[in-house]
Amino acid sequence: MSEQTTEEKSNKRVLEGVVLSNKAEKTVVVQVERKYLHPQYRKTIRSHKKYMAHDEANECNIGDTVRIVESRPLSARKRWVLQTIVTRAEQL
């Protein structure tokens, strides 16, 4: 039997999005965009949703592309935890 990492065994959802805000302490707001086909008109539609995610080390900046993973409720609106930073935003 092959060994699997803890990431592969987990049934938790993993989303990728862009950080919109990092003003709160240990919290980032991530916008996740998804594309789907309209059932009747067959047109590709883009929609987005914002998620609040826990960032323990306060390492995210606005514009970073991050991967977040589902977790237990951490506060009234936080149910996601930062997994990794995929790409950093360019600093001007």
PDB file of N, CA and C in Angstrom:
ATOM      1  N   MET A   1       0.834  -1.176   0.000  1.00  0.00           N
ATOM      2  CA  MET A   1       0.000   0.000   0.000  1.00  0.00           C
ATOM      3  C   MET A   1       0.882   1.245   0.000  1.00  0.00           C
ATOM      4  N   SER A   2       0.592   2.205  -0.867  1.00  0.00           N
ATOM      5  CA  SER A   2       1.421   3.390  -0.975  1.00  0.00           C
ATOM      6  C   SER A   2       1.114   4.379   0.143  1.00  0.00           C
ATOM      7  N   GLU A   3       2.137   5.107   0.547  1.00  0.00           N
ATOM      8  CA  GLU A   3       1.955   6.106   1.604  1.00  0.00           C
ATOM      9  C   GLU A   3       1.404   7.387   1.000  1.00  0.00           C
ATOM     10  N   GLN A   4       0.493   8.034   1.748  1.00  0.00           N
ATOM     11  CA  GLN A   4      -0.073   9.293   1.309  1.00  0.00           C
ATOM     12  C   GLN A   4       0.215  10.356   2.351  1.00  0.00           C
ATOM     13  N   THR A   5       0.373  11.590   1.888  1.00  0.00           N
ATOM     14  CA  THR A   5       0.583  12.678   2.838  1.00  0.00           C
ATOM     15  C   THR A   5      -0.753  13.045   3.469  1.00  0.00           C
ATOM     16  N   THR A   6      -0.703  13.827   4.525  1.00  0.00           N
ATOM     17  CA  THR A   6      -1.939  14.218   5.218  1.00  0.00           C
ATOM     18  C   THR A   6      -2.830  15.081   4.331  1.00  0.00           C
ATOM     19  N   GLU A   7      -2.246  15.794   3.372  1.00  0.00           N
ATOM     20  CA  GLU A   7      -3.040  16.618   2.471  1.00  0.00           C
ATOM     21  C   GLU A   7      -3.919  15.751   1.570  1.00  0.00           C
ATOM     22  N   GLU A   8      -3.410  14.638   1.099  1.00  0.00           N
ATOM     23  CA  GLU A   8      -4.148  13.788   0.176  1.00  0.00           C
ATOM     24  C   GLU A   8      -5.260  13.010   0.869  1.00  0.00           C
ATOM     25  N   LYS A   9      -5.081  12.655   2.140  1.00  0.00           N
ATOM     26  CA  LYS A   9      -6.077  11.892   2.865  1.00  0.00           C
ATOM     27  C   LYS A   9      -7.287  12.727   3.255  1.00  0.00           C
ATOM     28  N   SER A  10      -7.095  14.011   3.409  1.00  0.00           N
ATOM     29  CA  SER A  10      -8.129  14.891   3.933  1.00  0.00           C
ATOM     30  C   SER A  10      -9.289  15.057   2.946  1.00  0.00           C
ATOM     31  N   ASN A  11     -10.503  15.132   3.493  1.00  0.00           N
ATOM     32  CA  ASN A  11     -11.691  15.382   2.680  1.00  0.00           C
ATOM     33  C   ASN A  11     -12.063  16.858   2.683  1.00  0.00           C
ATOM     34  N   LYS A  12     -11.217  17.704   3.253  1.00  0.00           N
ATOM     35  CA  LYS A  12     -11.504  19.130   3.350  1.00  0.00           C
ATOM     36  C   LYS A  12     -11.331  19.799   2.000  1.00  0.00           C
ATOM     37  N   ARG A  13     -12.189  20.803   1.738  1.00  0.00           N
ATOM     38  CA  ARG A  13     -12.109  21.528   0.482  1.00  0.00           C
ATOM     39  C   ARG A  13     -10.907  22.465   0.479  1.00  0.00           C
ATOM     40  N   VAL A  14     -10.284  22.596  -0.674  1.00  0.00           N
ATOM     41  CA  VAL A  14      -9.145  23.496  -0.852  1.00  0.00           C
ATOM     42  C   VAL A  14      -9.500  24.458  -1.972  1.00  0.00           C
ATOM     43  N   LEU A  15      -9.368  25.771  -1.718  1.00  0.00           N
ATOM     44  CA  LEU A  15      -9.679  26.800  -2.704  1.00  0.00           C
ATOM     45  C   LEU A  15      -8.459  27.674  -2.927  1.00  0.00           C
ATOM     46  N   GLU A  16      -8.401  28.293  -4.109  1.00  0.00           N
ATOM     47  CA  GLU A  16      -7.301  29.192  -4.431  1.00  0.00           C
ATOM     48  C   GLU A  16      -7.879  30.533  -4.839  1.00  0.00           C
ATOM     49  N   GLY A  17      -7.319  31.608  -4.300  1.00  0.00           N
ATOM     50  CA  GLY A  17      -7.837  32.931  -4.596  1.00  0.00           C
ATOM     51  C   GLY A  17      -6.824  34.021  -4.311  1.00  0.00           C
ATOM     52  N   VAL A  18      -7.299  35.281  -4.415  1.00  0.00           N
ATOM     53  CA  VAL A  18      -6.447  36.456  -4.262  1.00  0.00           C
ATOM     54  C   VAL A  18      -6.812  37.178  -2.972  1.00  0.00           C
ATOM     55  N   VAL A  19      -5.801  37.621  -2.231  1.00  0.00           N
ATOM     56  CA  VAL A  19      -6.026  38.340  -0.978  1.00  0.00           C
ATOM     57  C   VAL A  19      -6.489  39.757  -1.293  1.00  0.00           C
ATOM     58  N   LEU A  20      -7.659  40.133  -0.739  1.00  0.00           N
ATOM     59  CA  LEU A  20      -8.206  41.477  -0.928  1.00  0.00           C
ATOM     60  C   LEU A  20      -7.860  42.392   0.239  1.00  0.00           C
ATOM     61  N   SER A  21      -7.801  41.831   1.455  1.00  0.00           N
ATOM     62  CA  SER A  21      -7.567  42.640   2.643  1.00  0.00           C
ATOM     63  C   SER A  21      -6.791  41.835   3.671  1.00  0.00           C
ATOM     64  N   ASN A  22      -5.881  42.527   4.363  1.00  0.00           N
ATOM     65  CA  ASN A  22      -5.143  41.909   5.461  1.00  0.00           C
ATOM     66  C   ASN A  22      -5.126  42.837   6.675  1.00  0.00           C
ATOM     67  N   LYS A  23      -6.147  43.668   6.795  1.00  0.00           N
ATOM     68  CA  LYS A  23      -6.174  44.683   7.848  1.00  0.00           C
ATOM     69  C   LYS A  23      -6.468  44.102   9.226  1.00  0.00           C
ATOM     70  N   ALA A  24      -7.241  43.028   9.288  1.00  0.00           N
ATOM     71  CA  ALA A  24      -7.561  42.428  10.584  1.00  0.00           C
ATOM     72  C   ALA A  24      -6.367  41.627  11.106  1.00  0.00           C
ATOM     73  N   GLU A  25      -6.278  41.492  12.408  1.00  0.00           N
ATOM     74  CA  GLU A  25      -5.191  40.739  13.048  1.00  0.00           C
ATOM     75  C   GLU A  25      -5.387  39.243  12.808  1.00  0.00           C
ATOM     76  N   LYS A  26      -4.392  38.584  12.193  1.00  0.00           N
ATOM     77  CA  LYS A  26      -4.398  37.143  11.910  1.00  0.00           C
ATOM     78  C   LYS A  26      -5.554  36.701  11.009  1.00  0.00           C
ATOM     79  N   THR A  27      -6.075  37.607  10.181  1.00  0.00           N
ATOM     80  CA  THR A  27      -7.176  37.284   9.275  1.00  0.00           C
ATOM     81  C   THR A  27      -6.933  37.935   7.925  1.00  0.00           C
ATOM     82  N   VAL A  28      -7.221  37.199   6.857  1.00  0.00           N
ATOM     83  CA  VAL A  28      -7.177  37.756   5.505  1.00  0.00           C
ATOM     84  C   VAL A  28      -8.505  37.483   4.827  1.00  0.00           C
ATOM     85  N   VAL A  29      -8.885  38.371   3.914  1.00  0.00           N
ATOM     86  CA  VAL A  29     -10.084  38.177   3.103  1.00  0.00           C
ATOM     87  C   VAL A  29      -9.616  37.739   1.727  1.00  0.00           C
ATOM     88  N   VAL A  30     -10.079  36.564   1.297  1.00  0.00           N
ATOM     89  CA  VAL A  30      -9.646  35.969   0.035  1.00  0.00           C
ATOM     90  C   VAL A  30     -10.830  35.911  -0.919  1.00  0.00           C
ATOM     91  N   GLN A  31     -10.632  36.404  -2.139  1.00  0.00           N
ATOM     92  CA  GLN A  31     -11.674  36.331  -3.168  1.00  0.00           C
ATOM     93  C   GLN A  31     -11.371  35.157  -4.087  1.00  0.00           C
ATOM     94  N   VAL A  32     -12.317  34.214  -4.151  1.00  0.00           N
ATOM     95  CA  VAL A  32     -12.174  33.023  -4.989  1.00  0.00           C
ATOM     96  C   VAL A  32     -13.109  33.172  -6.181  1.00  0.00           C
ATOM     97  N   GLU A  33     -12.551  33.040  -7.376  1.00  0.00           N
ATOM     98  CA  GLU A  33     -13.343  33.162  -8.601  1.00  0.00           C
ATOM     99  C   GLU A  33     -13.579  31.782  -9.192  1.00  0.00           C
ATOM    100  N   ARG A  34     -14.796  31.556  -9.679  1.00  0.00           N
ATOM    101  CA  ARG A  34     -15.079  30.287 -10.347  1.00  0.00           C
ATOM    102  C   ARG A  34     -15.784  30.570 -11.662  1.00  0.00           C
ATOM    103  N   LYS A  35     -15.577  29.673 -12.613  1.00  0.00           N
ATOM    104  CA  LYS A  35     -16.210  29.787 -13.919  1.00  0.00           C
ATOM    105  C   LYS A  35     -17.096  28.577 -14.135  1.00  0.00           C
ATOM    106  N   TYR A  36     -18.272  28.818 -14.674  1.00  0.00           N
ATOM    107  CA  TYR A  36     -19.172  27.709 -14.968  1.00  0.00           C
ATOM    108  C   TYR A  36     -19.971  28.028 -16.223  1.00  0.00           C
ATOM    109  N   LEU A  37     -20.512  26.999 -16.823  1.00  0.00           N
ATOM    110  CA  LEU A  37     -21.265  27.129 -18.051  1.00  0.00           C
ATOM    111  C   LEU A  37     -22.739  27.296 -17.734  1.00  0.00           C
ATOM    112  N   HIS A  38     -23.379  28.294 -18.330  1.00  0.00           N
ATOM    113  CA  HIS A  38     -24.812  28.484 -18.120  1.00  0.00           C
ATOM    114  C   HIS A  38     -25.548  27.296 -18.727  1.00  0.00           C
ATOM    115  N   PRO A  39     -26.482  26.694 -17.957  1.00  0.00           N
ATOM    116  CA  PRO A  39     -27.121  25.463 -18.438  1.00  0.00           C
ATOM    117  C   PRO A  39     -27.930  25.615 -19.729  1.00  0.00           C
ATOM    118  N   GLN A  40     -28.564  26.766 -19.906  1.00  0.00           N
ATOM    119  CA  GLN A  40     -29.404  26.931 -21.093  1.00  0.00           C
ATOM    120  C   GLN A  40     -28.676  27.623 -22.241  1.00  0.00           C
ATOM    121  N   TYR A  41     -27.948  28.705 -21.944  1.00  0.00           N
ATOM    122  CA  TYR A  41     -27.350  29.522 -22.999  1.00  0.00           C
ATOM    123  C   TYR A  41     -25.912  29.135 -23.340  1.00  0.00           C
ATOM    124  N   ARG A  42     -25.328  28.201 -22.571  1.00  0.00           N
ATOM    125  CA  ARG A  42     -23.998  27.663 -22.846  1.00  0.00           C
ATOM    126  C   ARG A  42     -22.912  28.746 -22.869  1.00  0.00           C
ATOM    127  N   LYS A  43     -23.104  29.795 -22.097  1.00  0.00           N
ATOM    128  CA  LYS A  43     -22.115  30.860 -21.991  1.00  0.00           C
ATOM    129  C   LYS A  43     -21.322  30.668 -20.705  1.00  0.00           C
ATOM    130  N   THR A  44     -20.013  30.934 -20.766  1.00  0.00           N
ATOM    131  CA  THR A  44     -19.178  30.837 -19.577  1.00  0.00           C
ATOM    132  C   THR A  44     -19.417  32.052 -18.696  1.00  0.00           C
ATOM    133  N   ILE A  45     -19.735  31.802 -17.434  1.00  0.00           N
ATOM    134  CA  ILE A  45     -20.037  32.868 -16.487  1.00  0.00           C
ATOM    135  C   ILE A  45     -18.983  32.853 -15.390  1.00  0.00           C
ATOM    136  N   ARG A  46     -18.483  34.043 -15.031  1.00  0.00           N
ATOM    137  CA  ARG A  46     -17.516  34.176 -13.952  1.00  0.00           C
ATOM    138  C   ARG A  46     -18.234  34.706 -12.719  1.00  0.00           C
ATOM    139  N   SER A  47     -18.068  34.039 -11.598  1.00  0.00           N
ATOM    140  CA  SER A  47     -18.622  34.535 -10.349  1.00  0.00           C
ATOM    141  C   SER A  47     -17.536  34.460  -9.286  1.00  0.00           C
ATOM    142  N   HIS A  48     -17.690  35.250  -8.230  1.00  0.00           N
ATOM    143  CA  HIS A  48     -16.684  35.248  -7.173  1.00  0.00           C
ATOM    144  C   HIS A  48     -17.352  35.294  -5.816  1.00  0.00           C
ATOM    145  N   LYS A  49     -16.601  34.862  -4.814  1.00  0.00           N
ATOM    146  CA  LYS A  49     -17.078  34.847  -3.445  1.00  0.00           C
ATOM    147  C   LYS A  49     -15.905  35.168  -2.527  1.00  0.00           C
ATOM    148  N   LYS A  50     -16.194  35.866  -1.425  1.00  0.00           N
ATOM    149  CA  LYS A  50     -15.152  36.232  -0.469  1.00  0.00           C
ATOM    150  C   LYS A  50     -15.194  35.295   0.733  1.00  0.00           C
ATOM    151  N   TYR A  51     -14.019  34.880   1.175  1.00  0.00           N
ATOM    152  CA  TYR A  51     -13.882  34.023   2.347  1.00  0.00           C
ATOM    153  C   TYR A  51     -12.911  34.680   3.319  1.00  0.00           C
ATOM    154  N   MET A  52     -13.204  34.585   4.617  1.00  0.00           N
ATOM    155  CA  MET A  52     -12.269  35.036   5.642  1.00  0.00           C
ATOM    156  C   MET A  52     -11.447  33.833   6.069  1.00  0.00           C
ATOM    157  N   ALA A  53     -10.132  34.002   6.071  1.00  0.00           N
ATOM    158  CA  ALA A  53      -9.233  32.885   6.388  1.00  0.00           C
ATOM    159  C   ALA A  53      -8.258  33.292   7.492  1.00  0.00           C
ATOM    160  N   HIS A  54      -7.874  32.308   8.290  1.00  0.00           N
ATOM    161  CA  HIS A  54      -6.955  32.530   9.403  1.00  0.00           C
ATOM    162  C   HIS A  54      -5.519  32.506   8.892  1.00  0.00           C
ATOM    163  N   ASP A  55      -4.772  33.564   9.200  1.00  0.00           N
ATOM    164  CA  ASP A  55      -3.363  33.697   8.815  1.00  0.00           C
ATOM    165  C   ASP A  55      -2.567  33.894  10.101  1.00  0.00           C
ATOM    166  N   GLU A  56      -2.101  32.807  10.681  1.00  0.00           N
ATOM    167  CA  GLU A  56      -1.471  32.837  12.005  1.00  0.00           C
ATOM    168  C   GLU A  56      -0.267  33.768  12.072  1.00  0.00           C
ATOM    169  N   ALA A  57       0.575  33.779  11.045  1.00  0.00           N
ATOM    170  CA  ALA A  57       1.819  34.552  11.084  1.00  0.00           C
ATOM    171  C   ALA A  57       1.691  35.943  10.470  1.00  0.00           C
ATOM    172  N   ASN A  58       0.512  36.343  10.028  1.00  0.00           N
ATOM    173  CA  ASN A  58       0.306  37.637   9.353  1.00  0.00           C
ATOM    174  C   ASN A  58       1.295  37.828   8.205  1.00  0.00           C
ATOM    175  N   GLU A  59       1.460  36.803   7.355  1.00  0.00           N
ATOM    176  CA  GLU A  59       2.464  36.855   6.302  1.00  0.00           C
ATOM    177  C   GLU A  59       1.897  37.227   4.933  1.00  0.00           C
ATOM    178  N   CYS A  60       0.577  37.302   4.788  1.00  0.00           N
ATOM    179  CA  CYS A  60      -0.034  37.619   3.494  1.00  0.00           C
ATOM    180  C   CYS A  60      -0.120  39.122   3.275  1.00  0.00           C
ATOM    181  N   ASN A  61       0.039  39.520   2.017  1.00  0.00           N
ATOM    182  CA  ASN A  61      -0.148  40.909   1.612  1.00  0.00           C
ATOM    183  C   ASN A  61      -1.248  40.977   0.567  1.00  0.00           C
ATOM    184  N   ILE A  62      -1.778  42.162   0.347  1.00  0.00           N
ATOM    185  CA  ILE A  62      -2.837  42.354  -0.640  1.00  0.00           C
ATOM    186  C   ILE A  62      -2.293  42.014  -2.023  1.00  0.00           C
ATOM    187  N   GLY A  63      -3.043  41.220  -2.778  1.00  0.00           N
ATOM    188  CA  GLY A  63      -2.643  40.825  -4.124  1.00  0.00           C
ATOM    189  C   GLY A  63      -1.986  39.459  -4.204  1.00  0.00           C
ATOM    190  N   ASP A  64      -1.619  38.860  -3.072  1.00  0.00           N
ATOM    191  CA  ASP A  64      -1.025  37.523  -3.075  1.00  0.00           C
ATOM    192  C   ASP A  64      -2.054  36.488  -3.515  1.00  0.00           C
ATOM    193  N   THR A  65      -1.605  35.489  -4.258  1.00  0.00           N
ATOM    194  CA  THR A  65      -2.449  34.347  -4.590  1.00  0.00           C
ATOM    195  C   THR A  65      -2.176  33.276  -3.545  1.00  0.00           C
ATOM    196  N   VAL A  66      -3.247  32.830  -2.868  1.00  0.00           N
ATOM    197  CA  VAL A  66      -3.087  31.898  -1.756  1.00  0.00           C
ATOM    198  C   VAL A  66      -3.988  30.684  -1.921  1.00  0.00           C
ATOM    199  N   ARG A  67      -3.647  29.624  -1.193  1.00  0.00           N
ATOM    200  CA  ARG A  67      -4.473  28.423  -1.135  1.00  0.00           C
ATOM    201  C   ARG A  67      -5.005  28.308   0.294  1.00  0.00           C
ATOM    202  N   ILE A  68      -6.335  28.172   0.434  1.00  0.00           N
ATOM    203  CA  ILE A  68      -6.947  28.056   1.757  1.00  0.00           C
ATOM    204  C   ILE A  68      -7.638  26.707   1.869  1.00  0.00           C
ATOM    205  N   VAL A  69      -7.728  26.199   3.099  1.00  0.00           N
ATOM    206  CA  VAL A  69      -8.316  24.888   3.343  1.00  0.00           C
ATOM    207  C   VAL A  69      -9.395  25.027   4.411  1.00  0.00           C
ATOM    208  N   GLU A  70     -10.445  24.240   4.272  1.00  0.00           N
ATOM    209  CA  GLU A  70     -11.578  24.253   5.181  1.00  0.00           C
ATOM    210  C   GLU A  70     -11.152  23.800   6.579  1.00  0.00           C
ATOM    211  N   SER A  71     -11.760  24.382   7.620  1.00  0.00           N
ATOM    212  CA  SER A  71     -11.431  23.986   8.992  1.00  0.00           C
ATOM    213  C   SER A  71     -12.664  24.133   9.876  1.00  0.00           C
ATOM    214  N   ARG A  72     -12.465  23.890  11.153  1.00  0.00           N
ATOM    215  CA  ARG A  72     -13.554  24.082  12.106  1.00  0.00           C
ATOM    216  C   ARG A  72     -13.825  25.579  12.239  1.00  0.00           C
ATOM    217  N   PRO A  73     -14.993  25.982  12.756  1.00  0.00           N
ATOM    218  CA  PRO A  73     -15.258  27.412  12.940  1.00  0.00           C
ATOM    219  C   PRO A  73     -14.267  28.049  13.919  1.00  0.00           C
ATOM    220  N   LEU A  74     -13.604  29.109  13.475  1.00  0.00           N
ATOM    221  CA  LEU A  74     -12.633  29.803  14.309  1.00  0.00           C
ATOM    222  C   LEU A  74     -13.217  31.078  14.909  1.00  0.00           C
ATOM    223  N   SER A  75     -14.233  31.636  14.263  1.00  0.00           N
ATOM    224  CA  SER A  75     -14.945  32.802  14.773  1.00  0.00           C
ATOM    225  C   SER A  75     -16.308  32.814  14.101  1.00  0.00           C
ATOM    226  N   ALA A  76     -17.006  33.921  14.213  1.00  0.00           N
ATOM    227  CA  ALA A  76     -18.354  34.000  13.651  1.00  0.00           C
ATOM    228  C   ALA A  76     -18.364  33.808  12.136  1.00  0.00           C
ATOM    229  N   ARG A  77     -17.336  34.312  11.450  1.00  0.00           N
ATOM    230  CA  ARG A  77     -17.309  34.225   9.985  1.00  0.00           C
ATOM    231  C   ARG A  77     -16.106  33.488   9.425  1.00  0.00           C
ATOM    232  N   LYS A  78     -15.164  33.070  10.265  1.00  0.00           N
ATOM    233  CA  LYS A  78     -13.940  32.417   9.788  1.00  0.00           C
ATOM    234  C   LYS A  78     -14.053  30.908   9.880  1.00  0.00           C
ATOM    235  N   ARG A  79     -13.993  30.237   8.699  1.00  0.00           N
ATOM    236  CA  ARG A  79     -14.030  28.773   8.648  1.00  0.00           C
ATOM    237  C   ARG A  79     -12.952  28.217   7.731  1.00  0.00           C
ATOM    238  N   TRP A  80     -11.968  29.030   7.398  1.00  0.00           N
ATOM    239  CA  TRP A  80     -10.894  28.638   6.490  1.00  0.00           C
ATOM    240  C   TRP A  80      -9.549  29.009   7.100  1.00  0.00           C
ATOM    241  N   VAL A  81      -8.507  28.248   6.751  1.00  0.00           N
ATOM    242  CA  VAL A  81      -7.154  28.480   7.248  1.00  0.00           C
ATOM    243  C   VAL A  81      -6.223  28.571   6.046  1.00  0.00           C
ATOM    244  N   LEU A  82      -5.278  29.506   6.112  1.00  0.00           N
ATOM    245  CA  LEU A  82      -4.277  29.657   5.060  1.00  0.00           C
ATOM    246  C   LEU A  82      -3.405  28.414   5.003  1.00  0.00           C
ATOM    247  N   GLN A  83      -3.287  27.822   3.814  1.00  0.00           N
ATOM    248  CA  GLN A  83      -2.437  26.643   3.649  1.00  0.00           C
ATOM    249  C   GLN A  83      -1.064  27.056   3.126  1.00  0.00           C
ATOM    250  N   THR A  84      -1.040  27.697   1.950  1.00  0.00           N
ATOM    251  CA  THR A  84       0.223  28.162   1.372  1.00  0.00           C
ATOM    252  C   THR A  84      -0.005  29.450   0.598  1.00  0.00           C
ATOM    253  N   ILE A  85       1.090  30.162   0.381  1.00  0.00           N
ATOM    254  CA  ILE A  85       1.072  31.320  -0.511  1.00  0.00           C
ATOM    255  C   ILE A  85       1.627  30.828  -1.841  1.00  0.00           C
ATOM    256  N   VAL A  86       0.791  30.860  -2.875  1.00  0.00           N
ATOM    257  CA  VAL A  86       1.188  30.333  -4.183  1.00  0.00           C
ATOM    258  C   VAL A  86       2.129  31.314  -4.874  1.00  0.00           C
ATOM    259  N   THR A  87       1.713  32.574  -5.010  1.00  0.00           N
ATOM    260  CA  THR A  87       2.569  33.614  -5.599  1.00  0.00           C
ATOM    261  C   THR A  87       2.437  34.886  -4.788  1.00  0.00           C
ATOM    262  N   ARG A  88       3.513  35.610  -4.696  1.00  0.00           N
ATOM    263  CA  ARG A  88       3.525  36.896  -4.008  1.00  0.00           C
ATOM    264  C   ARG A  88       3.153  38.005  -4.984  1.00  0.00           C
ATOM    265  N   ALA A  89       2.524  39.058  -4.461  1.00  0.00           N
ATOM    266  CA  ALA A  89       2.186  40.229  -5.277  1.00  0.00           C
ATOM    267  C   ALA A  89       3.438  41.052  -5.491  1.00  0.00           C
ATOM    268  N   GLU A  90       3.489  41.752  -6.613  1.00  0.00           N
ATOM    269  CA  GLU A  90       4.623  42.641  -6.874  1.00  0.00           C
ATOM    270  C   GLU A  90       4.495  43.869  -5.997  1.00  0.00           C
ATOM    271  N   GLN A  91       5.588  44.224  -5.327  1.00  0.00           N
ATOM    272  CA  GLN A  91       5.602  45.410  -4.465  1.00  0.00           C
ATOM    273  C   GLN A  91       6.093  46.597  -5.279  1.00  0.00           C
ATOM    274  N   LEU A  92       5.355  47.687  -5.222  1.00  0.00           N
ATOM    275  CA  LEU A  92       5.738  48.890  -5.973  1.00  0.00           C
ATOM    276  C   LEU A  92       6.639  49.792  -5.162  1.00  0.00           C
TER     277      LEU A  92
END
